[in-house]
Amino acid sequence: VISYYDSSNRDLKVAVCGDATCTTKTLTTVDSAVDVGEYTSLVLNA
């Protein structure tokens, strides 16, 4: 599970892989309020 910055759209995104090598995945825009998403740090909750 990876958080990262989409500099084309200036968005915060997250990729959730469906398998160990990420051949399948779900990509989601988490925040798109103008320019957001640099310096990400991600953890998974309980």
All heavy atoms as atom14 arrays in JSON, in Angstrom:
{
  "sequence": "VISYYDSSNRDLKVAVCGDATCTTKTLTTVDSAVDVGEYTSLVLNA",
  "atom14_mask": [
    [1, 1, 1, 1, 1, 1, 1, 0, 0, 0, 0, 0, 0, 0],
    [1, 1, 1, 1, 1, 1, 1, 1, 0, 0, 0, 0, 0, 0],
    [1, 1, 1, 1, 1, 1, 0, 0, 0, 0, 0, 0, 0, 0],
    [1, 1, 1, 1, 1, 1, 1, 1, 1, 1, 1, 1, 0, 0],
    [1, 1, 1, 1, 1, 1, 1, 1, 1, 1, 1, 1, 0, 0],
    [1, 1, 1, 1, 1, 1, 1, 1, 0, 0, 0, 0, 0, 0],
    [1, 1, 1, 1, 1, 1, 0, 0, 0, 0, 0, 0, 0, 0],
    [1, 1, 1, 1, 1, 1, 0, 0, 0, 0, 0, 0, 0, 0],
    [1, 1, 1, 1, 1, 1, 1, 1, 0, 0, 0, 0, 0, 0],
    [1, 1, 1, 1, 1, 1, 1, 1, 1, 1, 1, 0, 0, 0],
    [1, 1, 1, 1, 1, 1, 1, 1, 0, 0, 0, 0, 0, 0],
    [1, 1, 1, 1, 1, 1, 1, 1, 0, 0, 0, 0, 0, 0],
    [1, 1, 1, 1, 1, 1, 1, 1, 1, 0, 0, 0, 0, 0],
    [1, 1, 1, 1, 1, 1, 1, 0, 0, 0, 0, 0, 0, 0],
    [1, 1, 1, 1, 1, 0, 0, 0, 0, 0, 0, 0, 0, 0],
    [1, 1, 1, 1, 1, 1, 1, 0, 0, 0, 0, 0, 0, 0],
    [1, 1, 1, 1, 1, 1, 0, 0, 0, 0, 0, 0, 0, 0],
    [1, 1, 1, 1, 0, 0, 0, 0, 0, 0, 0, 0, 0, 0],
    [1, 1, 1, 1, 1, 1, 1, 1, 0, 0, 0, 0, 0, 0],
    [1, 1, 1, 1, 1, 0, 0, 0, 0, 0, 0, 0, 0, 0],
    [1, 1, 1, 1, 1, 1, 1, 0, 0, 0, 0, 0, 0, 0],
    [1, 1, 1, 1, 1, 1, 0, 0, 0, 0, 0, 0, 0, 0],
    [1, 1, 1, 1, 1, 1, 1, 0, 0, 0, 0, 0, 0, 0],
    [1, 1, 1, 1, 1, 1, 1, 0, 0, 0, 0, 0, 0, 0],
    [1, 1, 1, 1, 1, 1, 1, 1, 1, 0, 0, 0, 0, 0],
    [1, 1, 1, 1, 1, 1, 1, 0, 0, 0, 0, 0, 0, 0],
    [1, 1, 1, 1, 1, 1, 1, 1, 0, 0, 0, 0, 0, 0],
    [1, 1, 1, 1, 1, 1, 1, 0, 0, 0, 0, 0, 0, 0],
    [1, 1, 1, 1, 1, 1, 1, 0, 0, 0, 0, 0, 0, 0],
    [1, 1, 1, 1, 1, 1, 1, 0, 0, 0, 0, 0, 0, 0],
    [1, 1, 1, 1, 1, 1, 1, 1, 0, 0, 0, 0, 0, 0],
    [1, 1, 1, 1, 1, 1, 0, 0, 0, 0, 0, 0, 0, 0],
    [1, 1, 1, 1, 1, 0, 0, 0, 0, 0, 0, 0, 0, 0],
    [1, 1, 1, 1, 1, 1, 1, 0, 0, 0, 0, 0, 0, 0],
    [1, 1, 1, 1, 1, 1, 1, 1, 0, 0, 0, 0, 0, 0],
    [1, 1, 1, 1, 1, 1, 1, 0, 0, 0, 0, 0, 0, 0],
    [1, 1, 1, 1, 0, 0, 0, 0, 0, 0, 0, 0, 0, 0],
    [1, 1, 1, 1, 1, 1, 1, 1, 1, 0, 0, 0, 0, 0],
    [1, 1, 1, 1, 1, 1, 1, 1, 1, 1, 1, 1, 0, 0],
    [1, 1, 1, 1, 1, 1, 1, 0, 0, 0, 0, 0, 0, 0],
    [1, 1, 1, 1, 1, 1, 0, 0, 0, 0, 0, 0, 0, 0],
    [1, 1, 1, 1, 1, 1, 1, 1, 0, 0, 0, 0, 0, 0],
    [1, 1, 1, 1, 1, 1, 1, 0, 0, 0, 0, 0, 0, 0],
    [1, 1, 1, 1, 1, 1, 1, 1, 0, 0, 0, 0, 0, 0],
    [1, 1, 1, 1, 1, 1, 1, 1, 0, 0, 0, 0, 0, 0],
    [1, 1, 1, 1, 1, 0, 0, 0, 0, 0, 0, 0, 0, 0]
  ],
  "atom14_positions": [
    [[0.88, -1.16, 0.0], [0.0, 0.0, 0.0], [0.92, 1.21, 0.0], [1.79, 1.33, 0.87], [-0.93, 0.02, 1.22], [-1.85, 1.24, 1.19], [-1.75, -1.27, 1.31], [0.0, 0.0, 0.0], [0.0, 0.0, 0.0], [0.0, 0.0, 0.0], [0.0, 0.0, 0.0], [0.0, 0.0, 0.0], [0.0, 0.0, 0.0], [0.0, 0.0, 0.0]],
    [[0.75, 2.12, -0.98], [1.72, 3.19, -1.19], [0.99, 4.53, -1.31], [0.09, 4.69, -2.14], [2.53, 2.96, -2.48], [3.12, 1.54, -2.52], [3.63, 4.0, -2.63], [3.6, 1.11, -3.9], [0.0, 0.0, 0.0], [0.0, 0.0, 0.0], [0.0, 0.0, 0.0], [0.0, 0.0, 0.0], [0.0, 0.0, 0.0], [0.0, 0.0, 0.0]],
    [[1.4, 5.5, -0.51], [0.96, 6.87, -0.7], [2.02, 7.61, -1.52], [3.22, 7.31, -1.4], [0.72, 7.58, 0.63], [1.91, 7.67, 1.38], [0.0, 0.0, 0.0], [0.0, 0.0, 0.0], [0.0, 0.0, 0.0], [0.0, 0.0, 0.0], [0.0, 0.0, 0.0], [0.0, 0.0, 0.0], [0.0, 0.0, 0.0], [0.0, 0.0, 0.0]],
    [[1.59, 8.6, -2.32], [2.54, 9.31, -3.18], [1.9, 10.57, -3.75], [0.68, 10.79, -3.62], [3.03, 8.4, -4.32], [1.93, 7.85, -5.22], [1.67, 8.39, -6.48], [1.15, 6.77, -4.82], [0.67, 7.88, -7.3], [0.15, 6.26, -5.63], [-0.09, 6.81, -6.87], [-1.09, 6.31, -7.67], [0.0, 0.0, 0.0], [0.0, 0.0, 0.0]],
    [[2.73, 11.38, -4.38], [2.3, 12.66, -4.94], [2.13, 12.55, -6.45], [3.0, 12.02, -7.14], [3.34, 13.72, -4.6], [3.05, 15.11, -5.1], [1.87, 15.77, -4.79], [4.0, 15.8, -5.86], [1.63, 17.06, -5.21], [3.77, 17.1, -6.3], [2.58, 17.72, -5.97], [2.34, 19.02, -6.4], [0.0, 0.0, 0.0], [0.0, 0.0, 0.0]],
    [[1.0, 13.03, -6.94], [0.72, 13.13, -8.38], [0.99, 14.57, -8.77], [0.15, 15.46, -8.57], [-0.75, 12.75, -8.62], [-1.2, 12.97, -10.06], [-0.44, 13.56, -10.86], [-2.33, 12.57, -10.38], [0.0, 0.0, 0.0], [0.0, 0.0, 0.0], [0.0, 0.0, 0.0], [0.0, 0.0, 0.0], [0.0, 0.0, 0.0], [0.0, 0.0, 0.0]],
    [[2.19, 14.83, -9.3], [2.57, 16.21, -9.59], [1.9, 16.75, -10.85], [1.82, 17.97, -11.03], [4.09, 16.34, -9.7], [4.59, 15.51, -10.71], [0.0, 0.0, 0.0], [0.0, 0.0, 0.0], [0.0, 0.0, 0.0], [0.0, 0.0, 0.0], [0.0, 0.0, 0.0], [0.0, 0.0, 0.0], [0.0, 0.0, 0.0], [0.0, 0.0, 0.0]],
    [[1.38, 15.88, -11.72], [0.63, 16.36, -12.88], [-0.65, 17.08, -12.45], [-1.0, 18.14, -12.97], [0.26, 15.2, -13.82], [1.4, 14.68, -14.44], [0.0, 0.0, 0.0], [0.0, 0.0, 0.0], [0.0, 0.0, 0.0], [0.0, 0.0, 0.0], [0.0, 0.0, 0.0], [0.0, 0.0, 0.0], [0.0, 0.0, 0.0], [0.0, 0.0, 0.0]],
    [[-1.34, 16.47, -11.48], [-2.61, 17.04, -11.01], [-2.48, 17.7, -9.64], [-3.45, 18.25, -9.12], [-3.66, 15.93, -10.94], [-3.96, 15.34, -12.3], [-4.47, 16.02, -13.18], [-3.6, 14.08, -12.49], [0.0, 0.0, 0.0], [0.0, 0.0, 0.0], [0.0, 0.0, 0.0], [0.0, 0.0, 0.0], [0.0, 0.0, 0.0], [0.0, 0.0, 0.0]],
    [[-1.27, 17.58, -9.04], [-0.98, 18.15, -7.71], [-1.91, 17.57, -6.65], [-2.51, 18.28, -5.86], [-1.03, 19.69, -7.76], [0.01, 20.3, -8.7], [0.03, 21.8, -8.64], [-1.19, 22.38, -9.2], [-1.45, 23.67, -9.25], [-0.58, 24.55, -8.75], [-2.57, 24.12, -9.78], [0.0, 0.0, 0.0], [0.0, 0.0, 0.0], [0.0, 0.0, 0.0]],
    [[-2.01, 16.24, -6.68], [-2.92, 15.52, -5.79], [-2.15, 14.53, -4.91], [-1.07, 14.05, -5.27], [-3.95, 14.71, -6.6], [-4.91, 15.59, -7.38], [-5.04, 16.78, -7.04], [-5.53, 15.07, -8.33], [0.0, 0.0, 0.0], [0.0, 0.0, 0.0], [0.0, 0.0, 0.0], [0.0, 0.0, 0.0], [0.0, 0.0, 0.0], [0.0, 0.0, 0.0]],
    [[-2.78, 14.18, -3.79], [-2.33, 13.06, -2.97], [-3.04, 11.8, -3.45], [-4.26, 11.79, -3.59], [-2.67, 13.3, -1.5], [-2.5, 12.11, -0.55], [-1.03, 11.73, -0.42], [-3.1, 12.4, 0.81], [0.0, 0.0, 0.0], [0.0, 0.0, 0.0], [0.0, 0.0, 0.0], [0.0, 0.0, 0.0], [0.0, 0.0, 0.0], [0.0, 0.0, 0.0]],
    [[-2.26, 10.75, -3.7], [-2.84, 9.49, -4.17], [-2.37, 8.33, -3.3], [-1.36, 8.43, -2.59], [-2.47, 9.23, -5.64], [-3.06, 10.24, -6.62], [-2.76, 9.88, -8.07], [-3.61, 8.73, -8.59], [-3.42, 8.48, -10.04], [0.0, 0.0, 0.0], [0.0, 0.0, 0.0], [0.0, 0.0, 0.0], [0.0, 0.0, 0.0], [0.0, 0.0, 0.0]],
    [[-3.12, 7.23, -3.39], [-2.73, 6.0, -2.72], [-2.97, 4.83, -3.67], [-3.97, 4.8, -4.4], [-3.49, 5.78, -1.39], [-4.97, 5.56, -1.61], [-2.89, 4.65, -0.58], [0.0, 0.0, 0.0], [0.0, 0.0, 0.0], [0.0, 0.0, 0.0], [0.0, 0.0, 0.0], [0.0, 0.0, 0.0], [0.0, 0.0, 0.0], [0.0, 0.0, 0.0]],
    [[-2.01, 3.91, -3.71], [-2.12, 2.69, -4.5], [-2.24, 1.52, -3.55], [-1.4, 1.34, -2.66], [-0.9, 2.51, -5.39], [0.0, 0.0, 0.0], [0.0, 0.0, 0.0], [0.0, 0.0, 0.0], [0.0, 0.0, 0.0], [0.0, 0.0, 0.0], [0.0, 0.0, 0.0], [0.0, 0.0, 0.0], [0.0, 0.0, 0.0], [0.0, 0.0, 0.0]],
    [[-3.29, 0.72, -3.73], [-3.5, -0.47, -2.91], [-3.35, -1.68, -3.84], [-4.16, -1.87, -4.75], [-4.87, -0.47, -2.23], [-5.07, -1.73, -1.41], [-5.03, 0.77, -1.35], [0.0, 0.0, 0.0], [0.0, 0.0, 0.0], [0.0, 0.0, 0.0], [0.0, 0.0, 0.0], [0.0, 0.0, 0.0], [0.0, 0.0, 0.0], [0.0, 0.0, 0.0]],
    [[-2.29, -2.46, -3.63], [-2.0, -3.58, -4.52], [-2.86, -4.79, -4.17], [-3.09, -5.08, -2.99], [-0.52, -3.93, -4.44], [0.56, -2.56, -4.9], [0.0, 0.0, 0.0], [0.0, 0.0, 0.0], [0.0, 0.0, 0.0], [0.0, 0.0, 0.0], [0.0, 0.0, 0.0], [0.0, 0.0, 0.0], [0.0, 0.0, 0.0], [0.0, 0.0, 0.0]],
    [[-3.3, -5.51, -5.19], [-4.14, -6.68, -5.01], [-3.37, -7.98, -4.89], [-3.95, -9.04, -4.66], [0.0, 0.0, 0.0], [0.0, 0.0, 0.0], [0.0, 0.0, 0.0], [0.0, 0.0, 0.0], [0.0, 0.0, 0.0], [0.0, 0.0, 0.0], [0.0, 0.0, 0.0], [0.0, 0.0, 0.0], [0.0, 0.0, 0.0], [0.0, 0.0, 0.0]],
    [[-2.03, -7.89, -5.02], [-1.17, -9.06, -4.88], [0.21, -8.59, -4.46], [0.49, -7.38, -4.44], [-1.1, -9.85, -6.19], [-0.7, -8.97, -7.36], [0.51, -8.83, -7.6], [-1.61, -8.4, -8.01], [0.0, 0.0, 0.0], [0.0, 0.0, 0.0], [0.0, 0.0, 0.0], [0.0, 0.0, 0.0], [0.0, 0.0, 0.0], [0.0, 0.0, 0.0]],
    [[1.09, -9.51, -4.12], [2.38, -9.16, -3.54], [3.27, -8.36, -4.47], [4.06, -7.53, -4.02], [3.1, -10.44, -3.09], [0.0, 0.0, 0.0], [0.0, 0.0, 0.0], [0.0, 0.0, 0.0], [0.0, 0.0, 0.0], [0.0, 0.0, 0.0], [0.0, 0.0, 0.0], [0.0, 0.0, 0.0], [0.0, 0.0, 0.0], [0.0, 0.0, 0.0]],
    [[3.17, -8.59, -5.79], [4.02, -7.87, -6.74], [3.29, -6.72, -7.43], [3.82, -6.11, -8.35], [4.57, -8.83, -7.81], [3.48, -9.48, -8.48], [5.47, -9.88, -7.18], [0.0, 0.0, 0.0], [0.0, 0.0, 0.0], [0.0, 0.0, 0.0], [0.0, 0.0, 0.0], [0.0, 0.0, 0.0], [0.0, 0.0, 0.0], [0.0, 0.0, 0.0]],
    [[2.07, -6.46, -7.02], [1.29, -5.29, -7.49], [0.98, -5.35, -8.99], [0.95, -4.32, -9.66], [2.0, -3.99, -7.14], [0.84, -2.62, -6.83], [0.0, 0.0, 0.0], [0.0, 0.0, 0.0], [0.0, 0.0, 0.0], [0.0, 0.0, 0.0], [0.0, 0.0, 0.0], [0.0, 0.0, 0.0], [0.0, 0.0, 0.0], [0.0, 0.0, 0.0]],
    [[0.72, -6.54, -9.51], [0.27, -6.63, -10.91], [-1.17, -6.14, -11.04], [-1.57, -5.7, -12.11], [0.39, -8.08, -11.43], [-0.32, -8.96, -10.55], [1.85, -8.5, -11.5], [0.0, 0.0, 0.0], [0.0, 0.0, 0.0], [0.0, 0.0, 0.0], [0.0, 0.0, 0.0], [0.0, 0.0, 0.0], [0.0, 0.0, 0.0], [0.0, 0.0, 0.0]],
    [[-1.95, -6.24, -9.97], [-3.28, -5.63, -9.92], [-3.3, -4.62, -8.77], [-2.63, -4.83, -7.75], [-4.39, -6.67, -9.7], [-4.18, -7.32, -8.44], [-4.39, -7.7, -10.81], [0.0, 0.0, 0.0], [0.0, 0.0, 0.0], [0.0, 0.0, 0.0], [0.0, 0.0, 0.0], [0.0, 0.0, 0.0], [0.0, 0.0, 0.0], [0.0, 0.0, 0.0]],
    [[-4.02, -3.53, -8.94], [-4.03, -2.5, -7.91], [-5.22, -1.58, -8.09], [-5.84, -1.51, -9.16], [-2.76, -1.66, -7.94], [-2.56, -0.82, -9.21], [-1.71, -1.51, -10.22], [-1.45, -0.72, -11.48], [-0.58, -1.42, -12.43], [0.0, 0.0, 0.0], [0.0, 0.0, 0.0], [0.0, 0.0, 0.0], [0.0, 0.0, 0.0], [0.0, 0.0, 0.0]],
    [[-5.53, -0.88, -7.03], [-6.55, 0.17, -7.03], [-5.85, 1.49, -6.74], [-5.12, 1.61, -5.74], [-7.62, -0.09, -5.97], [-8.25, -1.34, -6.22], [-8.67, 1.01, -5.98], [0.0, 0.0, 0.0], [0.0, 0.0, 0.0], [0.0, 0.0, 0.0], [0.0, 0.0, 0.0], [0.0, 0.0, 0.0], [0.0, 0.0, 0.0], [0.0, 0.0, 0.0]],
    [[-6.03, 2.47, -7.64], [-5.42, 3.78, -7.47], [-6.5, 4.78, -7.1], [-7.51, 4.89, -7.8], [-4.73, 4.23, -8.77], [-3.71, 3.25, -9.38], [-3.15, 3.8, -10.67], [-2.6, 2.93, -8.39], [0.0, 0.0, 0.0], [0.0, 0.0, 0.0], [0.0, 0.0, 0.0], [0.0, 0.0, 0.0], [0.0, 0.0, 0.0], [0.0, 0.0, 0.0]],
    [[-6.31, 5.51, -6.01], [-7.32, 6.43, -5.51], [-6.72, 7.8, -5.26], [-5.63, 7.91, -4.68], [-7.92, 5.91, -4.18], [-8.43, 4.59, -4.37], [-9.03, 6.81, -3.68], [0.0, 0.0, 0.0], [0.0, 0.0, 0.0], [0.0, 0.0, 0.0], [0.0, 0.0, 0.0], [0.0, 0.0, 0.0], [0.0, 0.0, 0.0], [0.0, 0.0, 0.0]],
    [[-7.42, 8.83, -5.72], [-7.05, 10.2, -5.36], [-7.65, 10.5, -3.99], [-8.87, 10.49, -3.83], [-7.55, 11.2, -6.41], [-6.94, 10.91, -7.67], [-7.22, 12.63, -6.01], [0.0, 0.0, 0.0], [0.0, 0.0, 0.0], [0.0, 0.0, 0.0], [0.0, 0.0, 0.0], [0.0, 0.0, 0.0], [0.0, 0.0, 0.0], [0.0, 0.0, 0.0]],
    [[-6.78, 10.78, -3.03], [-7.22, 10.97, -1.65], [-7.57, 12.43, -1.38], [-8.57, 12.73, -0.72], [-6.13, 10.49, -0.67], [-6.55, 10.69, 0.78], [-5.8, 9.02, -0.93], [0.0, 0.0, 0.0], [0.0, 0.0, 0.0], [0.0, 0.0, 0.0], [0.0, 0.0, 0.0], [0.0, 0.0, 0.0], [0.0, 0.0, 0.0], [0.0, 0.0, 0.0]],
    [[-6.74, 13.35, -1.88], [-6.98, 14.79, -1.69], [-6.57, 15.5, -2.96], [-5.48, 15.24, -3.49], [-6.19, 15.3, -0.49], [-6.62, 16.71, -0.05], [-7.39, 17.36, -0.76], [-6.17, 17.14, 1.03], [0.0, 0.0, 0.0], [0.0, 0.0, 0.0], [0.0, 0.0, 0.0], [0.0, 0.0, 0.0], [0.0, 0.0, 0.0], [0.0, 0.0, 0.0]],
    [[-7.44, 16.37, -3.47], [-7.17, 17.1, -4.72], [-7.42, 18.59, -4.56], [-7.69, 19.28, -5.54], [-8.03, 16.53, -5.85], [-9.4, 16.63, -5.53], [0.0, 0.0, 0.0], [0.0, 0.0, 0.0], [0.0, 0.0, 0.0], [0.0, 0.0, 0.0], [0.0, 0.0, 0.0], [0.0, 0.0, 0.0], [0.0, 0.0, 0.0], [0.0, 0.0, 0.0]],
    [[-7.31, 19.1, -3.34], [-7.59, 20.51, -3.06], [-6.41, 21.38, -3.49], [-5.53, 21.69, -2.69], [-7.9, 20.72, -1.59], [0.0, 0.0, 0.0], [0.0, 0.0, 0.0], [0.0, 0.0, 0.0], [0.0, 0.0, 0.0], [0.0, 0.0, 0.0], [0.0, 0.0, 0.0], [0.0, 0.0, 0.0], [0.0, 0.0, 0.0], [0.0, 0.0, 0.0]],
    [[-6.36, 21.72, -4.76], [-5.36, 22.59, -5.4], [-3.99, 21.9, -5.46], [-3.72, 21.18, -6.41], [-5.27, 23.98, -4.73], [-4.38, 24.92, -5.57], [-6.67, 24.59, -4.6], [0.0, 0.0, 0.0], [0.0, 0.0, 0.0], [0.0, 0.0, 0.0], [0.0, 0.0, 0.0], [0.0, 0.0, 0.0], [0.0, 0.0, 0.0], [0.0, 0.0, 0.0]],
    [[-3.12, 22.07, -4.47], [-1.79, 21.45, -4.52], [-1.5, 20.78, -3.18], [-1.1, 21.42, -2.21], [-0.72, 22.51, -4.81], [0.64, 21.89, -5.1], [0.76, 20.64, -5.05], [1.6, 22.64, -5.38], [0.0, 0.0, 0.0], [0.0, 0.0, 0.0], [0.0, 0.0, 0.0], [0.0, 0.0, 0.0], [0.0, 0.0, 0.0], [0.0, 0.0, 0.0]],
    [[-1.69, 19.47, -3.13], [-1.55, 18.71, -1.89], [-0.87, 17.37, -2.17], [-0.97, 16.84, -3.27], [-2.93, 18.42, -1.23], [-3.53, 19.69, -0.66], [-3.89, 17.78, -2.22], [0.0, 0.0, 0.0], [0.0, 0.0, 0.0], [0.0, 0.0, 0.0], [0.0, 0.0, 0.0], [0.0, 0.0, 0.0], [0.0, 0.0, 0.0], [0.0, 0.0, 0.0]],
    [[-0.13, 16.86, -1.16], [0.35, 15.49, -1.28], [1.84, 15.28, -1.24], [2.3, 14.13, -1.32], [0.0, 0.0, 0.0], [0.0, 0.0, 0.0], [0.0, 0.0, 0.0], [0.0, 0.0, 0.0], [0.0, 0.0, 0.0], [0.0, 0.0, 0.0], [0.0, 0.0, 0.0], [0.0, 0.0, 0.0], [0.0, 0.0, 0.0], [0.0, 0.0, 0.0]],
    [[2.62, 16.34, -1.1], [4.06, 16.15, -0.94], [4.37, 15.67, 0.48], [3.56, 15.82, 1.39], [4.8, 17.45, -1.22], [4.67, 17.94, -2.66], [5.34, 19.29, -2.86], [4.91, 20.27, -2.23], [6.28, 19.35, -3.66], [0.0, 0.0, 0.0], [0.0, 0.0, 0.0], [0.0, 0.0, 0.0], [0.0, 0.0, 0.0], [0.0, 0.0, 0.0]],
    [[5.57, 15.09, 0.64], [6.09, 14.67, 1.96], [5.14, 13.7, 2.67], [4.86, 13.84, 3.85], [6.35, 15.89, 2.83], [7.32, 16.88, 2.23], [6.87, 18.06, 1.64], [8.68, 16.61, 2.22], [7.76, 18.96, 1.07], [9.58, 17.5, 1.66], [9.11, 18.68, 1.08], [9.99, 19.57, 0.5], [0.0, 0.0, 0.0], [0.0, 0.0, 0.0]],
    [[4.66, 12.69, 1.96], [3.71, 11.75, 2.57], [4.39, 10.78, 3.52], [5.56, 10.42, 3.36], [2.96, 10.92, 1.5], [3.82, 9.9, 0.99], [2.47, 11.78, 0.36], [0.0, 0.0, 0.0], [0.0, 0.0, 0.0], [0.0, 0.0, 0.0], [0.0, 0.0, 0.0], [0.0, 0.0, 0.0], [0.0, 0.0, 0.0], [0.0, 0.0, 0.0]],
    [[3.62, 10.35, 4.52], [4.01, 9.25, 5.42], [2.76, 8.44, 5.68], [1.72, 8.99, 6.04], [4.6, 9.79, 6.71], [5.03, 8.73, 7.55], [0.0, 0.0, 0.0], [0.0, 0.0, 0.0], [0.0, 0.0, 0.0], [0.0, 0.0, 0.0], [0.0, 0.0, 0.0], [0.0, 0.0, 0.0], [0.0, 0.0, 0.0], [0.0, 0.0, 0.0]],
    [[2.84, 7.13, 5.47], [1.66, 6.25, 5.52], [1.85, 5.15, 6.54], [2.92, 4.54, 6.64], [1.39, 5.66, 4.15], [0.27, 4.63, 4.02], [-0.43, 4.77, 2.68], [0.81, 3.19, 4.17], [0.0, 0.0, 0.0], [0.0, 0.0, 0.0], [0.0, 0.0, 0.0], [0.0, 0.0, 0.0], [0.0, 0.0, 0.0], [0.0, 0.0, 0.0]],
    [[0.78, 4.87, 7.29], [0.69, 3.66, 8.13], [-0.7, 3.07, 7.93], [-1.62, 3.74, 7.42], [0.93, 3.96, 9.62], [2.34, 4.46, 9.86], [-0.09, 4.94, 10.15], [0.0, 0.0, 0.0], [0.0, 0.0, 0.0], [0.0, 0.0, 0.0], [0.0, 0.0, 0.0], [0.0, 0.0, 0.0], [0.0, 0.0, 0.0], [0.0, 0.0, 0.0]],
    [[-0.86, 1.82, 8.31], [-2.17, 1.18, 8.28], [-2.68, 1.06, 9.71], [-1.94, 0.67, 10.61], [-2.08, -0.2, 7.62], [-1.54, -0.22, 6.18], [-1.5, -1.64, 5.65], [-2.35, 0.68, 5.26], [0.0, 0.0, 0.0], [0.0, 0.0, 0.0], [0.0, 0.0, 0.0], [0.0, 0.0, 0.0], [0.0, 0.0, 0.0], [0.0, 0.0, 0.0]],
    [[-3.96, 1.39, 9.91], [-4.52, 1.3, 11.25], [-4.94, -0.14, 11.57], [-4.71, -1.06, 10.77], [-5.66, 2.3, 11.45], [-6.85, 2.04, 10.54], [-7.03, 0.94, 10.01], [-7.68, 3.05, 10.37], [0.0, 0.0, 0.0], [0.0, 0.0, 0.0], [0.0, 0.0, 0.0], [0.0, 0.0, 0.0], [0.0, 0.0, 0.0], [0.0, 0.0, 0.0]],
    [[-5.57, -0.35, 12.72], [-5.93, -1.7, 13.16], [-6.91, -2.38, 12.2], [-6.97, -3.61, 12.14], [-6.52, -1.65, 14.57], [0.0, 0.0, 0.0], [0.0, 0.0, 0.0], [0.0, 0.0, 0.0], [0.0, 0.0, 0.0], [0.0, 0.0, 0.0], [0.0, 0.0, 0.0], [0.0, 0.0, 0.0], [0.0, 0.0, 0.0], [0.0, 0.0, 0.0]]
  ]
}
